[in-house]
Amino acid sequence: MRPPAQYGEDITTAQDAEDAAQTLGPMMICTRLAGRAIIRVVGRCNDAQENENLDLSECQLMQVPDAVYHLMRHTDLKTCDLSGNVITKIPPKFTVNFNHITDLNLSHNQMSKLPDEIVDLGELQRLDISYNSYIALPSSIFKIPKLEQLNASNNHILEIEVEKIEGAPSLQILDVSHNPLTPTCHNKLSNVTKIRMVISPRQKEEWDDEEYDDDQV
């Protein structure tokens, strides 16, 4: 017959094993998920080597992995889709490695700024930064030489400088719908004629009605 201490040791060991299993289970699941994400990224990079269109959308990315730049080093990309991730910023080296792309989709991420080097995307014609966290449009965007279409809808933008919009060398369409633009900014953008502006109808505030009523008196 074993002494009570031995039973206590067995019970402790069993509990430790159970706790370890509960901890390792989620870790193994996370590892498997991470492994699948890596496989997906590598597979899409391989596809891009053939069609010159890099689609890394919905890949759980927090940033563009360095491995992507390595895999794409001999490929002259035309388009890049990074939508539907959790990316917070684009590093300057992105523009160095992918400076021939004509389309860049950064929508549905968590970005609030762009590097000044974005102007080095000399062939970029279409840029989508919708559904992000911008409170202002980066001024560097309006210096991209061939940019024709910019989608900045569904952000948190309050003010946009009309002078920068009109000074953009090639811009033809700017979508800033579903942003909380100030009334003054909304009015200024509504009067822009040089390019096609896409803006949401301005919602009347309570003081608008009050001001109207005062005028009627």
C-alpha atoms as a PDB file:
ATOM      1  CA  MET A   1       0.000   0.000   0.000  1.00  0.00           C
ATOM      2  CA  ARG A   2       1.457   3.330  -1.096  1.00  0.00           C
ATOM      3  CA  PRO A   3       1.743   6.178   1.379  1.00  0.00           C
ATOM      4  CA  PRO A   4      -0.672   9.107   0.994  1.00  0.00           C
ATOM      5  CA  ALA A   5       2.136  11.346  -0.252  1.00  0.00           C
ATOM      6  CA  GLN A   6       2.466   9.154  -3.322  1.00  0.00           C
ATOM      7  CA  TYR A   7      -1.210   9.542  -4.135  1.00  0.00           C
ATOM      8  CA  GLY A   8      -0.812  13.318  -3.832  1.00  0.00           C
ATOM      9  CA  GLU A   9       2.081  13.279  -6.278  1.00  0.00           C
ATOM     10  CA  ASP A  10       0.093  11.240  -8.789  1.00  0.00           C
ATOM     11  CA  ILE A  11      -2.862  13.581  -8.516  1.00  0.00           C
ATOM     12  CA  THR A  12      -0.604  16.648  -9.006  1.00  0.00           C
ATOM     13  CA  THR A  13       1.080  15.081 -12.011  1.00  0.00           C
ATOM     14  CA  ALA A  14      -2.263  14.252 -13.579  1.00  0.00           C
ATOM     15  CA  GLN A  15      -3.491  17.813 -13.014  1.00  0.00           C
ATOM     16  CA  ASP A  16      -0.308  19.248 -14.524  1.00  0.00           C
ATOM     17  CA  ALA A  17      -0.749  17.060 -17.572  1.00  0.00           C
ATOM     18  CA  GLU A  18      -4.353  18.186 -17.964  1.00  0.00           C
ATOM     19  CA  ASP A  19      -3.344  21.854 -17.641  1.00  0.00           C
ATOM     20  CA  ALA A  20      -0.580  21.372 -20.193  1.00  0.00           C
ATOM     21  CA  ALA A  21      -2.989  19.750 -22.621  1.00  0.00           C
ATOM     22  CA  GLN A  22      -5.410  22.650 -22.258  1.00  0.00           C
ATOM     23  CA  THR A  23      -2.580  25.122 -22.959  1.00  0.00           C
ATOM     24  CA  LEU A  24      -0.978  23.247 -25.817  1.00  0.00           C
ATOM     25  CA  GLY A  25      -4.285  22.636 -27.578  1.00  0.00           C
ATOM     26  CA  PRO A  26      -4.903  26.296 -28.529  1.00  0.00           C
ATOM     27  CA  MET A  27      -1.198  26.761 -29.250  1.00  0.00           C
ATOM     28  CA  MET A  28      -1.242  23.866 -31.691  1.00  0.00           C
ATOM     29  CA  ILE A  29      -4.355  25.268 -33.353  1.00  0.00           C
ATOM     30  CA  CYS A  30      -2.701  28.696 -33.679  1.00  0.00           C
ATOM     31  CA  THR A  31       0.405  27.070 -35.101  1.00  0.00           C
ATOM     32  CA  ARG A  32      -1.657  25.195 -37.653  1.00  0.00           C
ATOM     33  CA  LEU A  33      -3.505  28.379 -38.614  1.00  0.00           C
ATOM     34  CA  ALA A  34      -0.217  30.273 -38.948  1.00  0.00           C
ATOM     35  CA  GLY A  35       1.161  27.443 -41.039  1.00  0.00           C
ATOM     36  CA  ARG A  36      -1.833  27.575 -43.362  1.00  0.00           C
ATOM     37  CA  ALA A  37      -1.447  31.346 -43.717  1.00  0.00           C
ATOM     38  CA  ILE A  38       2.220  30.929 -44.669  1.00  0.00           C
ATOM     39  CA  ILE A  39       1.356  28.248 -47.192  1.00  0.00           C
ATOM     40  CA  ARG A  40      -1.331  30.517 -48.653  1.00  0.00           C
ATOM     41  CA  VAL A  41       1.098  33.438 -48.988  1.00  0.00           C
ATOM     42  CA  VAL A  42       3.778  31.318 -50.640  1.00  0.00           C
ATOM     43  CA  GLY A  43       1.227  29.817 -53.012  1.00  0.00           C
ATOM     44  CA  ARG A  44      -0.037  33.215 -54.063  1.00  0.00           C
ATOM     45  CA  CYS A  45       3.504  34.465 -54.562  1.00  0.00           C
ATOM     46  CA  ASN A  46       4.090  31.516 -56.867  1.00  0.00           C
ATOM     47  CA  ASP A  47       0.941  32.453 -58.803  1.00  0.00           C
ATOM     48  CA  ALA A  48       2.152  36.050 -59.058  1.00  0.00           C
ATOM     49  CA  GLN A  49       5.410  34.888 -60.609  1.00  0.00           C
ATOM     50  CA  GLU A  50       3.276  33.618 -63.480  1.00  0.00           C
ATOM     51  CA  ASN A  51       0.609  36.315 -63.871  1.00  0.00           C
ATOM     52  CA  GLU A  52       2.366  39.368 -62.327  1.00  0.00           C
ATOM     53  CA  ASN A  53      -0.653  40.014 -60.064  1.00  0.00           C
ATOM     54  CA  LEU A  54       0.082  39.575 -56.352  1.00  0.00           C
ATOM     55  CA  ASP A  55      -3.073  38.778 -54.376  1.00  0.00           C
ATOM     56  CA  LEU A  56      -2.398  38.644 -50.630  1.00  0.00           C
ATOM     57  CA  SER A  57      -5.929  39.561 -49.578  1.00  0.00           C
ATOM     58  CA  GLU A  58      -7.417  37.854 -46.516  1.00  0.00           C
ATOM     59  CA  CYS A  59      -4.078  36.366 -45.452  1.00  0.00           C
ATOM     60  CA  GLN A  60      -4.118  37.521 -41.794  1.00  0.00           C
ATOM     61  CA  LEU A  61      -1.124  39.791 -42.463  1.00  0.00           C
ATOM     62  CA  MET A  62      -0.003  42.432 -39.986  1.00  0.00           C
ATOM     63  CA  GLN A  63       2.657  43.550 -42.459  1.00  0.00           C
ATOM     64  CA  VAL A  64       4.136  42.467 -45.770  1.00  0.00           C
ATOM     65  CA  PRO A  65       6.568  39.657 -44.856  1.00  0.00           C
ATOM     66  CA  ASP A  66      10.184  40.067 -45.951  1.00  0.00           C
ATOM     67  CA  ALA A  67       9.883  36.659 -47.610  1.00  0.00           C
ATOM     68  CA  VAL A  68       7.417  38.179 -50.083  1.00  0.00           C
ATOM     69  CA  TYR A  69      10.004  40.679 -51.299  1.00  0.00           C
ATOM     70  CA  HIS A  70      12.472  37.813 -51.689  1.00  0.00           C
ATOM     71  CA  LEU A  71      10.044  35.618 -53.629  1.00  0.00           C
ATOM     72  CA  MET A  72       9.044  38.498 -55.892  1.00  0.00           C
ATOM     73  CA  ARG A  73      12.566  39.819 -56.527  1.00  0.00           C
ATOM     74  CA  HIS A  74      12.606  38.598 -60.144  1.00  0.00           C
ATOM     75  CA  THR A  75       8.967  39.453 -60.931  1.00  0.00           C
ATOM     76  CA  ASP A  76       7.797  42.746 -62.416  1.00  0.00           C
ATOM     77  CA  LEU A  77       4.458  43.060 -60.612  1.00  0.00           C
ATOM     78  CA  LYS A  78       1.585  44.956 -62.211  1.00  0.00           C
ATOM     79  CA  THR A  79      -0.968  44.803 -59.391  1.00  0.00           C
ATOM     80  CA  CYS A  80      -0.903  44.181 -55.636  1.00  0.00           C
ATOM     81  CA  ASP A  81      -3.929  43.376 -53.458  1.00  0.00           C
ATOM     82  CA  LEU A  82      -3.382  43.542 -49.685  1.00  0.00           C
ATOM     83  CA  SER A  83      -7.011  44.049 -48.733  1.00  0.00           C
ATOM     84  CA  GLY A  84      -8.744  42.362 -45.841  1.00  0.00           C
ATOM     85  CA  ASN A  85      -5.744  42.064 -43.549  1.00  0.00           C
ATOM     86  CA  VAL A  86      -4.736  43.849 -40.324  1.00  0.00           C
ATOM     87  CA  ILE A  87      -1.889  45.890 -41.791  1.00  0.00           C
ATOM     88  CA  THR A  88      -1.120  49.151 -39.992  1.00  0.00           C
ATOM     89  CA  LYS A  89       1.593  50.548 -42.248  1.00  0.00           C
ATOM     90  CA  ILE A  90       3.442  50.114 -45.516  1.00  0.00           C
ATOM     91  CA  PRO A  91       7.241  50.402 -45.238  1.00  0.00           C
ATOM     92  CA  PRO A  92       9.327  52.467 -47.693  1.00  0.00           C
ATOM     93  CA  LYS A  93      10.921  49.277 -49.065  1.00  0.00           C
ATOM     94  CA  PHE A  94       7.524  48.313 -50.468  1.00  0.00           C
ATOM     95  CA  THR A  95       7.760  51.115 -53.017  1.00  0.00           C
ATOM     96  CA  VAL A  96      11.319  50.150 -53.875  1.00  0.00           C
ATOM     97  CA  ASN A  97      10.451  46.534 -54.590  1.00  0.00           C
ATOM     98  CA  PHE A  98       7.102  47.075 -56.298  1.00  0.00           C
ATOM     99  CA  ASN A  99       7.648  50.379 -58.072  1.00  0.00           C
ATOM    100  CA  HIS A 100       6.053  49.265 -61.354  1.00  0.00           C
ATOM    101  CA  ILE A 101       2.588  48.375 -60.072  1.00  0.00           C
ATOM    102  CA  THR A 102      -0.387  50.153 -61.610  1.00  0.00           C
ATOM    103  CA  ASP A 103      -3.006  49.019 -59.069  1.00  0.00           C
ATOM    104  CA  LEU A 104      -2.667  48.898 -55.277  1.00  0.00           C
ATOM    105  CA  ASN A 105      -5.518  47.761 -53.027  1.00  0.00           C
ATOM    106  CA  LEU A 106      -5.013  48.506 -49.318  1.00  0.00           C
ATOM    107  CA  SER A 107      -8.687  48.505 -48.348  1.00  0.00           C
ATOM    108  CA  HIS A 108     -10.088  46.904 -45.199  1.00  0.00           C
ATOM    109  CA  ASN A 109      -6.952  47.223 -43.088  1.00  0.00           C
ATOM    110  CA  GLN A 110      -5.984  49.333 -40.071  1.00  0.00           C
ATOM    111  CA  MET A 111      -3.862  51.977 -41.750  1.00  0.00           C
ATOM    112  CA  SER A 112      -3.781  55.664 -40.884  1.00  0.00           C
ATOM    113  CA  LYS A 113      -0.770  56.830 -42.877  1.00  0.00           C
ATOM    114  CA  LEU A 114       1.414  56.102 -45.880  1.00  0.00           C
ATOM    115  CA  PRO A 115       5.153  56.580 -46.331  1.00  0.00           C
ATOM    116  CA  ASP A 116       6.332  59.640 -48.247  1.00  0.00           C
ATOM    117  CA  GLU A 117       8.018  57.196 -50.617  1.00  0.00           C
ATOM    118  CA  ILE A 118       4.574  56.329 -52.014  1.00  0.00           C
ATOM    119  CA  VAL A 119       5.347  58.974 -54.647  1.00  0.00           C
ATOM    120  CA  ASP A 120       7.995  56.603 -56.017  1.00  0.00           C
ATOM    121  CA  LEU A 121       5.237  54.352 -57.373  1.00  0.00           C
ATOM    122  CA  GLY A 122       5.662  56.074 -60.682  1.00  0.00           C
ATOM    123  CA  GLU A 123       3.304  53.818 -62.644  1.00  0.00           C
ATOM    124  CA  LEU A 124       0.481  53.673 -60.069  1.00  0.00           C
ATOM    125  CA  GLN A 125      -2.875  54.596 -61.580  1.00  0.00           C
ATOM    126  CA  ARG A 126      -5.415  53.246 -59.069  1.00  0.00           C
ATOM    127  CA  LEU A 127      -5.129  53.314 -55.265  1.00  0.00           C
ATOM    128  CA  ASP A 128      -7.741  51.987 -52.829  1.00  0.00           C
ATOM    129  CA  ILE A 129      -7.366  52.933 -49.145  1.00  0.00           C
ATOM    130  CA  SER A 130     -11.047  52.611 -48.237  1.00  0.00           C
ATOM    131  CA  TYR A 131     -12.195  51.090 -44.944  1.00  0.00           C
ATOM    132  CA  ASN A 132      -9.121  52.081 -42.973  1.00  0.00           C
ATOM    133  CA  SER A 133      -8.420  54.510 -40.124  1.00  0.00           C
ATOM    134  CA  TYR A 134      -7.356  57.663 -41.966  1.00  0.00           C
ATOM    135  CA  ILE A 135      -8.345  60.956 -40.372  1.00  0.00           C
ATOM    136  CA  ALA A 136      -6.610  62.883 -43.169  1.00  0.00           C
ATOM    137  CA  LEU A 137      -5.393  62.073 -46.646  1.00  0.00           C
ATOM    138  CA  PRO A 138      -1.590  61.806 -46.806  1.00  0.00           C
ATOM    139  CA  SER A 139      -0.321  64.731 -48.871  1.00  0.00           C
ATOM    140  CA  SER A 140       2.134  62.424 -50.651  1.00  0.00           C
ATOM    141  CA  ILE A 141      -0.790  60.745 -52.412  1.00  0.00           C
ATOM    142  CA  PHE A 142      -1.424  63.848 -54.469  1.00  0.00           C
ATOM    143  CA  LYS A 143       2.155  63.808 -55.759  1.00  0.00           C
ATOM    144  CA  ILE A 144       1.951  60.349 -57.351  1.00  0.00           C
ATOM    145  CA  PRO A 145       2.583  61.258 -60.995  1.00  0.00           C
ATOM    146  CA  LYS A 146       0.159  58.907 -62.795  1.00  0.00           C
ATOM    147  CA  LEU A 147      -2.508  58.349 -60.140  1.00  0.00           C
ATOM    148  CA  GLU A 148      -5.918  58.633 -61.797  1.00  0.00           C
ATOM    149  CA  GLN A 149      -8.305  57.048 -59.291  1.00  0.00           C
ATOM    150  CA  LEU A 150      -8.246  57.267 -55.496  1.00  0.00           C
ATOM    151  CA  ASN A 151     -10.795  55.526 -53.281  1.00  0.00           C
ATOM    152  CA  ALA A 152     -10.643  56.870 -49.724  1.00  0.00           C
ATOM    153  CA  SER A 153     -14.229  56.115 -48.743  1.00  0.00           C
ATOM    154  CA  ASN A 154     -15.282  54.808 -45.333  1.00  0.00           C
ATOM    155  CA  ASN A 155     -12.534  56.379 -43.258  1.00  0.00           C
ATOM    156  CA  HIS A 156     -12.623  59.088 -40.566  1.00  0.00           C
ATOM    157  CA  ILE A 157     -11.615  62.060 -42.687  1.00  0.00           C
ATOM    158  CA  LEU A 158     -12.842  65.484 -41.593  1.00  0.00           C
ATOM    159  CA  GLU A 159     -10.910  67.895 -43.794  1.00  0.00           C
ATOM    160  CA  ILE A 160      -9.333  67.724 -47.257  1.00  0.00           C
ATOM    161  CA  GLU A 161      -7.374  70.544 -48.836  1.00  0.00           C
ATOM    162  CA  VAL A 162      -8.966  71.349 -52.178  1.00  0.00           C
ATOM    163  CA  GLU A 163      -5.733  72.926 -53.404  1.00  0.00           C
ATOM    164  CA  LYS A 164      -3.915  69.595 -53.092  1.00  0.00           C
ATOM    165  CA  ILE A 165      -6.669  67.778 -54.954  1.00  0.00           C
ATOM    166  CA  GLU A 166      -6.627  70.233 -57.823  1.00  0.00           C
ATOM    167  CA  GLY A 167      -2.827  70.157 -57.879  1.00  0.00           C
ATOM    168  CA  ALA A 168      -2.635  66.391 -58.346  1.00  0.00           C
ATOM    169  CA  PRO A 169      -1.008  65.853 -61.756  1.00  0.00           C
ATOM    170  CA  SER A 170      -3.244  63.064 -63.128  1.00  0.00           C
ATOM    171  CA  LEU A 171      -6.124  62.565 -60.673  1.00  0.00           C
ATOM    172  CA  GLN A 172      -9.498  62.093 -62.353  1.00  0.00           C
ATOM    173  CA  ILE A 173     -11.709  60.438 -59.711  1.00  0.00           C
ATOM    174  CA  LEU A 174     -11.661  60.874 -55.937  1.00  0.00           C
ATOM    175  CA  ASP A 175     -14.091  58.911 -53.766  1.00  0.00           C
ATOM    176  CA  VAL A 176     -14.396  60.276 -50.222  1.00  0.00           C
ATOM    177  CA  SER A 177     -17.925  59.074 -49.566  1.00  0.00           C
ATOM    178  CA  HIS A 178     -18.894  57.902 -46.080  1.00  0.00           C
ATOM    179  CA  ASN A 179     -16.440  60.151 -44.284  1.00  0.00           C
ATOM    180  CA  PRO A 180     -17.454  62.619 -41.540  1.00  0.00           C
ATOM    181  CA  LEU A 181     -16.494  65.681 -43.600  1.00  0.00           C
ATOM    182  CA  THR A 182     -17.112  69.039 -41.989  1.00  0.00           C
ATOM    183  CA  PRO A 183     -19.867  71.132 -43.613  1.00  0.00           C
ATOM    184  CA  THR A 184     -17.289  73.635 -44.890  1.00  0.00           C
ATOM    185  CA  CYS A 185     -15.131  70.908 -46.424  1.00  0.00           C
ATOM    186  CA  HIS A 186     -18.190  69.225 -47.923  1.00  0.00           C
ATOM    187  CA  ASN A 187     -19.242  72.453 -49.611  1.00  0.00           C
ATOM    188  CA  LYS A 188     -15.765  73.077 -51.009  1.00  0.00           C
ATOM    189  CA  LEU A 189     -15.508  69.557 -52.418  1.00  0.00           C
ATOM    190  CA  SER A 190     -18.961  69.878 -53.975  1.00  0.00           C
ATOM    191  CA  ASN A 191     -17.664  72.823 -55.999  1.00  0.00           C
ATOM    192  CA  VAL A 192     -14.635  71.013 -57.387  1.00  0.00           C
ATOM    193  CA  THR A 193     -14.991  70.665 -61.151  1.00  0.00           C
ATOM    194  CA  LYS A 194     -11.501  69.718 -62.246  1.00  0.00           C
ATOM    195  CA  ILE A 195     -11.989  66.065 -61.223  1.00  0.00           C
ATOM    196  CA  ARG A 196     -14.958  63.833 -60.501  1.00  0.00           C
ATOM    197  CA  MET A 197     -15.754  63.911 -56.783  1.00  0.00           C
ATOM    198  CA  VAL A 198     -17.738  61.120 -55.105  1.00  0.00           C
ATOM    199  CA  ILE A 199     -19.112  62.358 -51.778  1.00  0.00           C
ATOM    200  CA  SER A 200     -22.058  61.374 -49.620  1.00  0.00           C
ATOM    201  CA  PRO A 201     -24.979  63.790 -49.232  1.00  0.00           C
ATOM    202  CA  ARG A 202     -24.374  66.072 -46.287  1.00  0.00           C
ATOM    203  CA  GLN A 203     -26.504  65.163 -43.311  1.00  0.00           C
ATOM    204  CA  LYS A 204     -28.382  68.090 -41.829  1.00  0.00           C
ATOM    205  CA  GLU A 205     -27.535  68.813 -38.239  1.00  0.00           C
ATOM    206  CA  GLU A 206     -29.996  70.120 -35.673  1.00  0.00           C
ATOM    207  CA  TRP A 207     -28.531  73.637 -35.835  1.00  0.00           C
ATOM    208  CA  ASP A 208     -29.149  73.703 -39.608  1.00  0.00           C
ATOM    209  CA  ASP A 209     -32.896  73.505 -38.986  1.00  0.00           C
ATOM    210  CA  GLU A 210     -32.683  76.090 -36.237  1.00  0.00           C
ATOM    211  CA  GLU A 211     -30.809  78.462 -38.527  1.00  0.00           C
ATOM    212  CA  TYR A 212     -33.414  77.923 -41.229  1.00  0.00           C
ATOM    213  CA  ASP A 213     -36.245  78.645 -38.805  1.00  0.00           C
ATOM    214  CA  ASP A 214     -34.555  81.877 -37.684  1.00  0.00           C
ATOM    215  CA  ASP A 215     -34.267  83.004 -41.282  1.00  0.00           C
ATOM    216  CA  GLN A 216     -37.965  82.442 -41.811  1.00  0.00           C
ATOM    217  CA  VAL A 217     -38.963  84.618 -38.889  1.00  0.00           C
END
